[in-house]
Amino acid sequence: KVVELGVPIIYHSGPTGGNSPTAICNVADKFPKLNLIVGH
């Protein structure tokens, strides 16, 4: 839905698994048209 809306996502990121940079890259790989910002 966010891809359809054409807007970016910014994550609160950090060392915990739920929002780690590695977890975010999984989303980037699956949704290449979705712009993702790794917060902090």
PDB file of all heavy atoms in Angstrom:
ATOM      1  N   LYS A   1       0.830  -1.208   0.000  1.00  0.00           N
ATOM      2  CA  LYS A   1       0.000   0.000   0.000  1.00  0.00           C
ATOM      3  C   LYS A   1       0.865   1.259   0.000  1.00  0.00           C
ATOM      4  O   LYS A   1       0.566   2.230  -0.712  1.00  0.00           O
ATOM      5  CB  LYS A   1      -0.936  -0.005   1.209  1.00  0.00           C
ATOM      6  CG  LYS A   1      -1.742   1.284   1.403  1.00  0.00           C
ATOM      7  CD  LYS A   1      -2.559   1.654   0.177  1.00  0.00           C
ATOM      8  CE  LYS A   1      -3.638   0.649  -0.133  1.00  0.00           C
ATOM      9  NZ  LYS A   1      -4.515   1.123  -1.246  1.00  0.00           N
ATOM     10  N   VAL A   2       1.944   1.254   0.774  1.00  0.00           N
ATOM     11  CA  VAL A   2       2.828   2.426   0.803  1.00  0.00           C
ATOM     12  C   VAL A   2       3.490   2.625  -0.561  1.00  0.00           C
ATOM     13  O   VAL A   2       3.644   3.761  -1.028  1.00  0.00           O
ATOM     14  CB  VAL A   2       3.881   2.287   1.914  1.00  0.00           C
ATOM     15  CG1 VAL A   2       4.801   3.508   1.926  1.00  0.00           C
ATOM     16  CG2 VAL A   2       3.210   2.140   3.281  1.00  0.00           C
ATOM     17  N   VAL A   3       3.883   1.531  -1.226  1.00  0.00           N
ATOM     18  CA  VAL A   3       4.407   1.636  -2.596  1.00  0.00           C
ATOM     19  C   VAL A   3       3.370   2.289  -3.495  1.00  0.00           C
ATOM     20  O   VAL A   3       3.686   3.187  -4.289  1.00  0.00           O
ATOM     21  CB  VAL A   3       4.804   0.241  -3.144  1.00  0.00           C
ATOM     22  CG1 VAL A   3       5.135   0.341  -4.635  1.00  0.00           C
ATOM     23  CG2 VAL A   3       5.995  -0.325  -2.384  1.00  0.00           C
ATOM     24  N   GLU A   4       2.134   1.859  -3.383  1.00  0.00           N
ATOM     25  CA  GLU A   4       1.048   2.427  -4.185  1.00  0.00           C
ATOM     26  C   GLU A   4       0.876   3.917  -3.917  1.00  0.00           C
ATOM     27  O   GLU A   4       0.625   4.702  -4.854  1.00  0.00           O
ATOM     28  CB  GLU A   4      -0.250   1.681  -3.866  1.00  0.00           C
ATOM     29  CG  GLU A   4      -1.483   2.194  -4.603  1.00  0.00           C
ATOM     30  CD  GLU A   4      -2.747   1.514  -4.118  1.00  0.00           C
ATOM     31  OE1 GLU A   4      -2.739   0.272  -3.945  1.00  0.00           O
ATOM     32  OE2 GLU A   4      -3.756   2.218  -3.897  1.00  0.00           O
ATOM     33  N   LEU A   5       1.022   4.319  -2.674  1.00  0.00           N
ATOM     34  CA  LEU A   5       0.859   5.732  -2.312  1.00  0.00           C
ATOM     35  C   LEU A   5       2.058   6.580  -2.744  1.00  0.00           C
ATOM     36  O   LEU A   5       1.952   7.804  -2.835  1.00  0.00           O
ATOM     37  CB  LEU A   5       0.644   5.860  -0.802  1.00  0.00           C
ATOM     38  CG  LEU A   5      -0.671   5.288  -0.271  1.00  0.00           C
ATOM     39  CD1 LEU A   5      -0.658   5.229   1.247  1.00  0.00           C
ATOM     40  CD2 LEU A   5      -1.858   6.112  -0.765  1.00  0.00           C
ATOM     41  N   GLY A   6       3.200   5.943  -2.979  1.00  0.00           N
ATOM     42  CA  GLY A   6       4.363   6.655  -3.491  1.00  0.00           C
ATOM     43  C   GLY A   6       5.072   7.542  -2.494  1.00  0.00           C
ATOM     44  O   GLY A   6       5.637   8.581  -2.863  1.00  0.00           O
ATOM     45  N   VAL A   7       5.078   7.148  -1.218  1.00  0.00           N
ATOM     46  CA  VAL A   7       5.743   7.952  -0.190  1.00  0.00           C
ATOM     47  C   VAL A   7       6.835   7.110   0.485  1.00  0.00           C
ATOM     48  O   VAL A   7       6.793   5.883   0.448  1.00  0.00           O
ATOM     49  CB  VAL A   7       4.741   8.456   0.868  1.00  0.00           C
ATOM     50  CG1 VAL A   7       3.730   9.394   0.230  1.00  0.00           C
ATOM     51  CG2 VAL A   7       4.040   7.297   1.570  1.00  0.00           C
ATOM     52  N   PRO A   8       7.821   7.764   1.098  1.00  0.00           N
ATOM     53  CA  PRO A   8       8.883   7.023   1.777  1.00  0.00           C
ATOM     54  C   PRO A   8       8.498   6.604   3.183  1.00  0.00           C
ATOM     55  O   PRO A   8       7.533   7.110   3.758  1.00  0.00           O
ATOM     56  CB  PRO A   8      10.032   8.043   1.817  1.00  0.00           C
ATOM     57  CG  PRO A   8       9.333   9.367   1.898  1.00  0.00           C
ATOM     58  CD  PRO A   8       8.072   9.209   1.074  1.00  0.00           C
ATOM     59  N   ILE A   9       9.298   5.672   3.717  1.00  0.00           N
ATOM     60  CA  ILE A   9       9.170   5.242   5.117  1.00  0.00           C
ATOM     61  C   ILE A   9      10.469   5.565   5.827  1.00  0.00           C
ATOM     62  O   ILE A   9      11.561   5.268   5.327  1.00  0.00           O
ATOM     63  CB  ILE A   9       8.910   3.728   5.215  1.00  0.00           C
ATOM     64  CG1 ILE A   9       7.517   3.372   4.699  1.00  0.00           C
ATOM     65  CG2 ILE A   9       9.064   3.243   6.667  1.00  0.00           C
ATOM     66  CD1 ILE A   9       7.248   1.875   4.631  1.00  0.00           C
ATOM     67  N   ILE A  10      10.371   6.170   7.003  1.00  0.00           N
ATOM     68  CA  ILE A  10      11.525   6.313   7.879  1.00  0.00           C
ATOM     69  C   ILE A  10      11.317   5.409   9.088  1.00  0.00           C
ATOM     70  O   ILE A  10      10.248   5.399   9.694  1.00  0.00           O
ATOM     71  CB  ILE A  10      11.782   7.772   8.313  1.00  0.00           C
ATOM     72  CG1 ILE A  10      13.041   7.861   9.171  1.00  0.00           C
ATOM     73  CG2 ILE A  10      10.581   8.379   9.026  1.00  0.00           C
ATOM     74  CD1 ILE A  10      13.518   9.283   9.437  1.00  0.00           C
ATOM     75  N   TYR A  11      12.341   4.607   9.401  1.00  0.00           N
ATOM     76  CA  TYR A  11      12.284   3.713  10.547  1.00  0.00           C
ATOM     77  C   TYR A  11      13.059   4.296  11.724  1.00  0.00           C
ATOM     78  O   TYR A  11      14.143   4.863  11.537  1.00  0.00           O
ATOM     79  CB  TYR A  11      12.949   2.368  10.224  1.00  0.00           C
ATOM     80  CG  TYR A  11      12.251   1.498   9.231  1.00  0.00           C
ATOM     81  CD1 TYR A  11      12.629   1.515   7.894  1.00  0.00           C
ATOM     82  CD2 TYR A  11      11.239   0.614   9.621  1.00  0.00           C
ATOM     83  CE1 TYR A  11      12.014   0.685   6.965  1.00  0.00           C
ATOM     84  CE2 TYR A  11      10.622  -0.216   8.700  1.00  0.00           C
ATOM     85  CZ  TYR A  11      11.015  -0.172   7.375  1.00  0.00           C
ATOM     86  OH  TYR A  11      10.407  -1.008   6.466  1.00  0.00           O
ATOM     87  N   HIS A  12      12.540   4.107  12.922  1.00  0.00           N
ATOM     88  CA  HIS A  12      13.423   4.172  14.072  1.00  0.00           C
ATOM     89  C   HIS A  12      14.281   2.922  13.981  1.00  0.00           C
ATOM     90  O   HIS A  12      13.769   1.812  13.912  1.00  0.00           O
ATOM     91  CB  HIS A  12      12.650   4.168  15.387  1.00  0.00           C
ATOM     92  CG  HIS A  12      13.547   4.069  16.571  1.00  0.00           C
ATOM     93  ND1 HIS A  12      14.125   5.179  17.152  1.00  0.00           N
ATOM     94  CD2 HIS A  12      14.018   2.990  17.251  1.00  0.00           C
ATOM     95  CE1 HIS A  12      14.900   4.781  18.146  1.00  0.00           C
ATOM     96  NE2 HIS A  12      14.852   3.456  18.224  1.00  0.00           N
ATOM     97  N   SER A  13      15.591   3.087  13.944  1.00  0.00           N
ATOM     98  CA  SER A  13      16.471   1.927  13.799  1.00  0.00           C
ATOM     99  C   SER A  13      17.419   1.838  14.982  1.00  0.00           C
ATOM    100  O   SER A  13      17.582   2.790  15.750  1.00  0.00           O
ATOM    101  CB  SER A  13      17.264   2.003  12.497  1.00  0.00           C
ATOM    102  OG  SER A  13      18.220   3.040  12.553  1.00  0.00           O
ATOM    103  N   GLY A  14      18.038   0.681  15.115  1.00  0.00           N
ATOM    104  CA  GLY A  14      18.968   0.464  16.217  1.00  0.00           C
ATOM    105  C   GLY A  14      19.418  -0.980  16.253  1.00  0.00           C
ATOM    106  O   GLY A  14      19.179  -1.739  15.308  1.00  0.00           O
ATOM    107  N   PRO A  15      20.057  -1.391  17.342  1.00  0.00           N
ATOM    108  CA  PRO A  15      20.660  -2.714  17.397  1.00  0.00           C
ATOM    109  C   PRO A  15      19.681  -3.863  17.603  1.00  0.00           C
ATOM    110  O   PRO A  15      20.055  -5.023  17.417  1.00  0.00           O
ATOM    111  CB  PRO A  15      21.619  -2.612  18.584  1.00  0.00           C
ATOM    112  CG  PRO A  15      21.003  -1.572  19.473  1.00  0.00           C
ATOM    113  CD  PRO A  15      20.378  -0.585  18.543  1.00  0.00           C
ATOM    114  N   THR A  16      18.449  -3.578  17.990  1.00  0.00           N
ATOM    115  CA  THR A  16      17.501  -4.659  18.219  1.00  0.00           C
ATOM    116  C   THR A  16      17.018  -5.223  16.891  1.00  0.00           C
ATOM    117  O   THR A  16      16.926  -4.514  15.888  1.00  0.00           O
ATOM    118  CB  THR A  16      16.294  -4.168  19.032  1.00  0.00           C
ATOM    119  OG1 THR A  16      15.699  -3.053  18.366  1.00  0.00           O
ATOM    120  CG2 THR A  16      16.736  -3.731  20.427  1.00  0.00           C
ATOM    121  N   GLY A  17      16.694  -6.513  16.868  1.00  0.00           N
ATOM    122  CA  GLY A  17      16.373  -7.198  15.631  1.00  0.00           C
ATOM    123  C   GLY A  17      15.207  -6.626  14.863  1.00  0.00           C
ATOM    124  O   GLY A  17      15.201  -6.618  13.635  1.00  0.00           O
ATOM    125  N   GLY A  18      14.189  -6.131  15.577  1.00  0.00           N
ATOM    126  CA  GLY A  18      12.976  -5.672  14.906  1.00  0.00           C
ATOM    127  C   GLY A  18      13.162  -4.483  14.013  1.00  0.00           C
ATOM    128  O   GLY A  18      12.392  -4.284  13.069  1.00  0.00           O
ATOM    129  N   ASN A  19      14.169  -3.653  14.295  1.00  0.00           N
ATOM    130  CA  ASN A  19      14.399  -2.470  13.466  1.00  0.00           C
ATOM    131  C   ASN A  19      15.876  -2.267  13.154  1.00  0.00           C
ATOM    132  O   ASN A  19      16.335  -1.144  12.974  1.00  0.00           O
ATOM    133  CB  ASN A  19      13.813  -1.221  14.109  1.00  0.00           C
ATOM    134  CG  ASN A  19      14.220  -0.993  15.552  1.00  0.00           C
ATOM    135  OD1 ASN A  19      13.523  -0.308  16.285  1.00  0.00           O
ATOM    136  ND2 ASN A  19      15.342  -1.537  15.994  1.00  0.00           N
ATOM    137  N   SER A  20      16.626  -3.348  13.075  1.00  0.00           N
ATOM    138  CA  SER A  20      18.046  -3.251  12.752  1.00  0.00           C
ATOM    139  C   SER A  20      18.227  -2.924  11.268  1.00  0.00           C
ATOM    140  O   SER A  20      17.337  -3.200  10.449  1.00  0.00           O
ATOM    141  CB  SER A  20      18.753  -4.573  13.049  1.00  0.00           C
ATOM    142  OG  SER A  20      18.318  -5.579  12.152  1.00  0.00           O
ATOM    143  N   PRO A  21      19.367  -2.347  10.881  1.00  0.00           N
ATOM    144  CA  PRO A  21      19.609  -2.095   9.456  1.00  0.00           C
ATOM    145  C   PRO A  21      19.494  -3.353   8.608  1.00  0.00           C
ATOM    146  O   PRO A  21      19.000  -3.303   7.477  1.00  0.00           O
ATOM    147  CB  PRO A  21      21.036  -1.534   9.449  1.00  0.00           C
ATOM    148  CG  PRO A  21      21.174  -0.856  10.777  1.00  0.00           C
ATOM    149  CD  PRO A  21      20.420  -1.747  11.723  1.00  0.00           C
ATOM    150  N   THR A  22      19.917  -4.491   9.146  1.00  0.00           N
ATOM    151  CA  THR A  22      19.819  -5.738   8.393  1.00  0.00           C
ATOM    152  C   THR A  22      18.369  -6.110   8.126  1.00  0.00           C
ATOM    153  O   THR A  22      18.009  -6.543   7.022  1.00  0.00           O
ATOM    154  CB  THR A  22      20.515  -6.886   9.141  1.00  0.00           C
ATOM    155  OG1 THR A  22      21.887  -6.543   9.358  1.00  0.00           O
ATOM    156  CG2 THR A  22      20.437  -8.170   8.356  1.00  0.00           C
ATOM    157  N   ALA A  23      17.507  -5.954   9.139  1.00  0.00           N
ATOM    158  CA  ALA A  23      16.079  -6.239   8.943  1.00  0.00           C
ATOM    159  C   ALA A  23      15.475  -5.290   7.915  1.00  0.00           C
ATOM    160  O   ALA A  23      14.661  -5.696   7.077  1.00  0.00           O
ATOM    161  CB  ALA A  23      15.336  -6.139  10.269  1.00  0.00           C
ATOM    162  N   ILE A  24      15.891  -4.022   7.958  1.00  0.00           N
ATOM    163  CA  ILE A  24      15.378  -3.040   7.001  1.00  0.00           C
ATOM    164  C   ILE A  24      15.807  -3.389   5.587  1.00  0.00           C
ATOM    165  O   ILE A  24      15.043  -3.222   4.630  1.00  0.00           O
ATOM    166  CB  ILE A  24      15.841  -1.626   7.398  1.00  0.00           C
ATOM    167  CG1 ILE A  24      15.181  -1.214   8.730  1.00  0.00           C
ATOM    168  CG2 ILE A  24      15.496  -0.616   6.310  1.00  0.00           C
ATOM    169  CD1 ILE A  24      15.742   0.056   9.333  1.00  0.00           C
ATOM    170  N   CYS A  25      17.028  -3.925   5.429  1.00  0.00           N
ATOM    171  CA  CYS A  25      17.492  -4.282   4.088  1.00  0.00           C
ATOM    172  C   CYS A  25      16.664  -5.418   3.509  1.00  0.00           C
ATOM    173  O   CYS A  25      16.500  -5.516   2.286  1.00  0.00           O
ATOM    174  CB  CYS A  25      18.981  -4.605   4.074  1.00  0.00           C
ATOM    175  SG  CYS A  25      19.416  -6.319   4.409  1.00  0.00           S
ATOM    176  N   ASN A  26      16.110  -6.292   4.365  1.00  0.00           N
ATOM    177  CA  ASN A  26      15.213  -7.342   3.879  1.00  0.00           C
ATOM    178  C   ASN A  26      13.987  -6.734   3.201  1.00  0.00           C
ATOM    179  O   ASN A  26      13.519  -7.235   2.171  1.00  0.00           O
ATOM    180  CB  ASN A  26      14.760  -8.243   5.014  1.00  0.00           C
ATOM    181  CG  ASN A  26      15.874  -9.014   5.680  1.00  0.00           C
ATOM    182  OD1 ASN A  26      15.789  -9.356   6.854  1.00  0.00           O
ATOM    183  ND2 ASN A  26      16.944  -9.312   4.945  1.00  0.00           N
ATOM    184  N   VAL A  27      13.474  -5.645   3.792  1.00  0.00           N
ATOM    185  CA  VAL A  27      12.328  -4.950   3.202  1.00  0.00           C
ATOM    186  C   VAL A  27      12.732  -4.282   1.892  1.00  0.00           C
ATOM    187  O   VAL A  27      12.010  -4.339   0.890  1.00  0.00           O
ATOM    188  CB  VAL A  27      11.762  -3.908   4.189  1.00  0.00           C
ATOM    189  CG1 VAL A  27      10.543  -3.200   3.584  1.00  0.00           C
ATOM    190  CG2 VAL A  27      11.386  -4.556   5.515  1.00  0.00           C
ATOM    191  N   ALA A  28      13.909  -3.664   1.877  1.00  0.00           N
ATOM    192  CA  ALA A  28      14.398  -2.997   0.665  1.00  0.00           C
ATOM    193  C   ALA A  28      14.555  -3.979  -0.482  1.00  0.00           C
ATOM    194  O   ALA A  28      14.265  -3.655  -1.640  1.00  0.00           O
ATOM    195  CB  ALA A  28      15.724  -2.301   0.955  1.00  0.00           C
ATOM    196  N   ASP A  29      15.013  -5.174  -0.161  1.00  0.00           N
ATOM    197  CA  ASP A  29      15.219  -6.198  -1.177  1.00  0.00           C
ATOM    198  C   ASP A  29      13.885  -6.685  -1.745  1.00  0.00           C
ATOM    199  O   ASP A  29      13.750  -6.914  -2.955  1.00  0.00           O
ATOM    200  CB  ASP A  29      15.991  -7.366  -0.570  1.00  0.00           C
ATOM    201  CG  ASP A  29      16.463  -8.360  -1.615  1.00  0.00           C
ATOM    202  OD1 ASP A  29      17.128  -7.936  -2.582  1.00  0.00           O
ATOM    203  OD2 ASP A  29      16.167  -9.555  -1.473  1.00  0.00           O
ATOM    204  N   LYS A  30      12.889  -6.822  -0.893  1.00  0.00           N
ATOM    205  CA  LYS A  30      11.583  -7.332  -1.322  1.00  0.00           C
ATOM    206  C   LYS A  30      10.769  -6.268  -2.051  1.00  0.00           C
ATOM    207  O   LYS A  30       9.976  -6.585  -2.954  1.00  0.00           O
ATOM    208  CB  LYS A  30      10.810  -7.851  -0.109  1.00  0.00           C
ATOM    209  CG  LYS A  30       9.481  -8.498  -0.461  1.00  0.00           C
ATOM    210  CD  LYS A  30       8.763  -9.016   0.772  1.00  0.00           C
ATOM    211  CE  LYS A  30       9.384 -10.273   1.322  1.00  0.00           C
ATOM    212  NZ  LYS A  30       8.568 -10.879   2.410  1.00  0.00           N
ATOM    213  N   PHE A  31      10.976  -4.991  -1.687  1.00  0.00           N
ATOM    214  CA  PHE A  31      10.188  -3.891  -2.265  1.00  0.00           C
ATOM    215  C   PHE A  31      11.122  -2.830  -2.851  1.00  0.00           C
ATOM    216  O   PHE A  31      11.327  -1.767  -2.257  1.00  0.00           O
ATOM    217  CB  PHE A  31       9.273  -3.271  -1.205  1.00  0.00           C
ATOM    218  CG  PHE A  31       8.261  -4.226  -0.642  1.00  0.00           C
ATOM    219  CD1 PHE A  31       8.516  -4.910   0.539  1.00  0.00           C
ATOM    220  CD2 PHE A  31       7.072  -4.456  -1.307  1.00  0.00           C
ATOM    221  CE1 PHE A  31       7.585  -5.801   1.056  1.00  0.00           C
ATOM    222  CE2 PHE A  31       6.132  -5.346  -0.799  1.00  0.00           C
ATOM    223  CZ  PHE A  31       6.392  -6.024   0.388  1.00  0.00           C
ATOM    224  N   PRO A  32      11.718  -3.088  -4.011  1.00  0.00           N
ATOM    225  CA  PRO A  32      12.717  -2.168  -4.575  1.00  0.00           C
ATOM    226  C   PRO A  32      12.161  -0.802  -4.967  1.00  0.00           C
ATOM    227  O   PRO A  32      12.938   0.153  -5.124  1.00  0.00           O
ATOM    228  CB  PRO A  32      13.242  -2.930  -5.802  1.00  0.00           C
ATOM    229  CG  PRO A  32      12.154  -3.896  -6.149  1.00  0.00           C
ATOM    230  CD  PRO A  32      11.533  -4.298  -4.837  1.00  0.00           C
ATOM    231  N   LYS A  33      10.842  -0.676  -5.112  1.00  0.00           N
ATOM    232  CA  LYS A  33      10.249   0.623  -5.449  1.00  0.00           C
ATOM    233  C   LYS A  33       9.881   1.431  -4.208  1.00  0.00           C
ATOM    234  O   LYS A  33       9.360   2.546  -4.332  1.00  0.00           O
ATOM    235  CB  LYS A  33       9.007   0.418  -6.313  1.00  0.00           C
ATOM    236  CG  LYS A  33       9.302  -0.169  -7.681  1.00  0.00           C
ATOM    237  CD  LYS A  33       8.042  -0.277  -8.523  1.00  0.00           C
ATOM    238  CE  LYS A  33       8.346  -0.843  -9.903  1.00  0.00           C
ATOM    239  NZ  LYS A  33       7.126  -0.946 -10.738  1.00  0.00           N
ATOM    240  N   LEU A  34      10.168   0.892  -3.028  1.00  0.00           N
ATOM    241  CA  LEU A  34       9.841   1.559  -1.765  1.00  0.00           C
ATOM    242  C   LEU A  34      11.090   2.210  -1.197  1.00  0.00           C
ATOM    243  O   LEU A  34      12.081   1.533  -0.907  1.00  0.00           O
ATOM    244  CB  LEU A  34       9.283   0.535  -0.777  1.00  0.00           C
ATOM    245  CG  LEU A  34       8.840   1.019   0.601  1.00  0.00           C
ATOM    246  CD1 LEU A  34       7.791   2.111   0.488  1.00  0.00           C
ATOM    247  CD2 LEU A  34       8.315  -0.153   1.422  1.00  0.00           C
ATOM    248  N   ASN A  35      11.074   3.527  -1.071  1.00  0.00           N
ATOM    249  CA  ASN A  35      12.224   4.243  -0.512  1.00  0.00           C
ATOM    250  C   ASN A  35      12.185   4.185   1.013  1.00  0.00           C
ATOM    251  O   ASN A  35      11.182   4.559   1.634  1.00  0.00           O
ATOM    252  CB  ASN A  35      12.232   5.697  -0.983  1.00  0.00           C
ATOM    253  CG  ASN A  35      12.597   5.816  -2.451  1.00  0.00           C
ATOM    254  OD1 ASN A  35      13.385   5.016  -2.972  1.00  0.00           O
ATOM    255  ND2 ASN A  35      12.030   6.793  -3.132  1.00  0.00           N
ATOM    256  N   LEU A  36      13.281   3.712   1.603  1.00  0.00           N
ATOM    257  CA  LEU A  36      13.371   3.485   3.044  1.00  0.00           C
ATOM    258  C   LEU A  36      14.494   4.315   3.633  1.00  0.00           C
ATOM    259  O   LEU A  36      15.596   4.361   3.083  1.00  0.00           O
ATOM    260  CB  LEU A  36      13.633   1.993   3.320  1.00  0.00           C
ATOM    261  CG  LEU A  36      12.650   1.008   2.683  1.00  0.00           C
ATOM    262  CD1 LEU A  36      13.121  -0.421   2.917  1.00  0.00           C
ATOM    263  CD2 LEU A  36      11.250   1.209   3.240  1.00  0.00           C
ATOM    264  N   ILE A  37      14.217   4.946   4.759  1.00  0.00           N
ATOM    265  CA  ILE A  37      15.207   5.772   5.455  1.00  0.00           C
ATOM    266  C   ILE A  37      15.545   5.107   6.778  1.00  0.00           C
ATOM    267  O   ILE A  37      14.663   4.865   7.599  1.00  0.00           O
ATOM    268  CB  ILE A  37      14.668   7.193   5.695  1.00  0.00           C
ATOM    269  CG1 ILE A  37      14.240   7.842   4.370  1.00  0.00           C
ATOM    270  CG2 ILE A  37      15.723   8.046   6.409  1.00  0.00           C
ATOM    271  CD1 ILE A  37      13.385   9.084   4.547  1.00  0.00           C
ATOM    272  N   VAL A  38      16.825   4.802   6.979  1.00  0.00           N
ATOM    273  CA  VAL A  38      17.292   4.214   8.234  1.00  0.00           C
ATOM    274  C   VAL A  38      17.512   5.345   9.230  1.00  0.00           C
ATOM    275  O   VAL A  38      18.509   6.064   9.153  1.00  0.00           O
ATOM    276  CB  VAL A  38      18.592   3.403   8.031  1.00  0.00           C
ATOM    277  CG1 VAL A  38      19.046   2.780   9.350  1.00  0.00           C
ATOM    278  CG2 VAL A  38      18.390   2.331   6.974  1.00  0.00           C
ATOM    279  N   GLY A  39      16.554   5.540  10.124  1.00  0.00           N
ATOM    280  CA  GLY A  39      16.669   6.617  11.096  1.00  0.00           C
ATOM    281  C   GLY A  39      17.858   6.430  12.027  1.00  0.00           C
ATOM    282  O   GLY A  39      18.221   5.308  12.371  1.00  0.00           O
ATOM    283  N   HIS A  40      18.480   7.543  12.397  1.00  0.00           N
ATOM    284  CA  HIS A  40      19.607   7.551  13.339  1.00  0.00           C
ATOM    285  C   HIS A  40      20.840   6.834  12.787  1.00  0.00           C
ATOM    286  O   HIS A  40      21.747   6.500  13.547  1.00  0.00           O
ATOM    287  CB  HIS A  40      19.224   6.916  14.687  1.00  0.00           C
ATOM    288  CG  HIS A  40      17.953   7.431  15.265  1.00  0.00           C
ATOM    289  ND1 HIS A  40      17.738   8.774  15.507  1.00  0.00           N
ATOM    290  CD2 HIS A  40      16.806   6.790  15.649  1.00  0.00           C
ATOM    291  CE1 HIS A  40      16.523   8.941  16.018  1.00  0.00           C
ATOM    292  NE2 HIS A  40      15.934   7.757  16.098  1.00  0.00           N
TER     293      HIS A  40
END
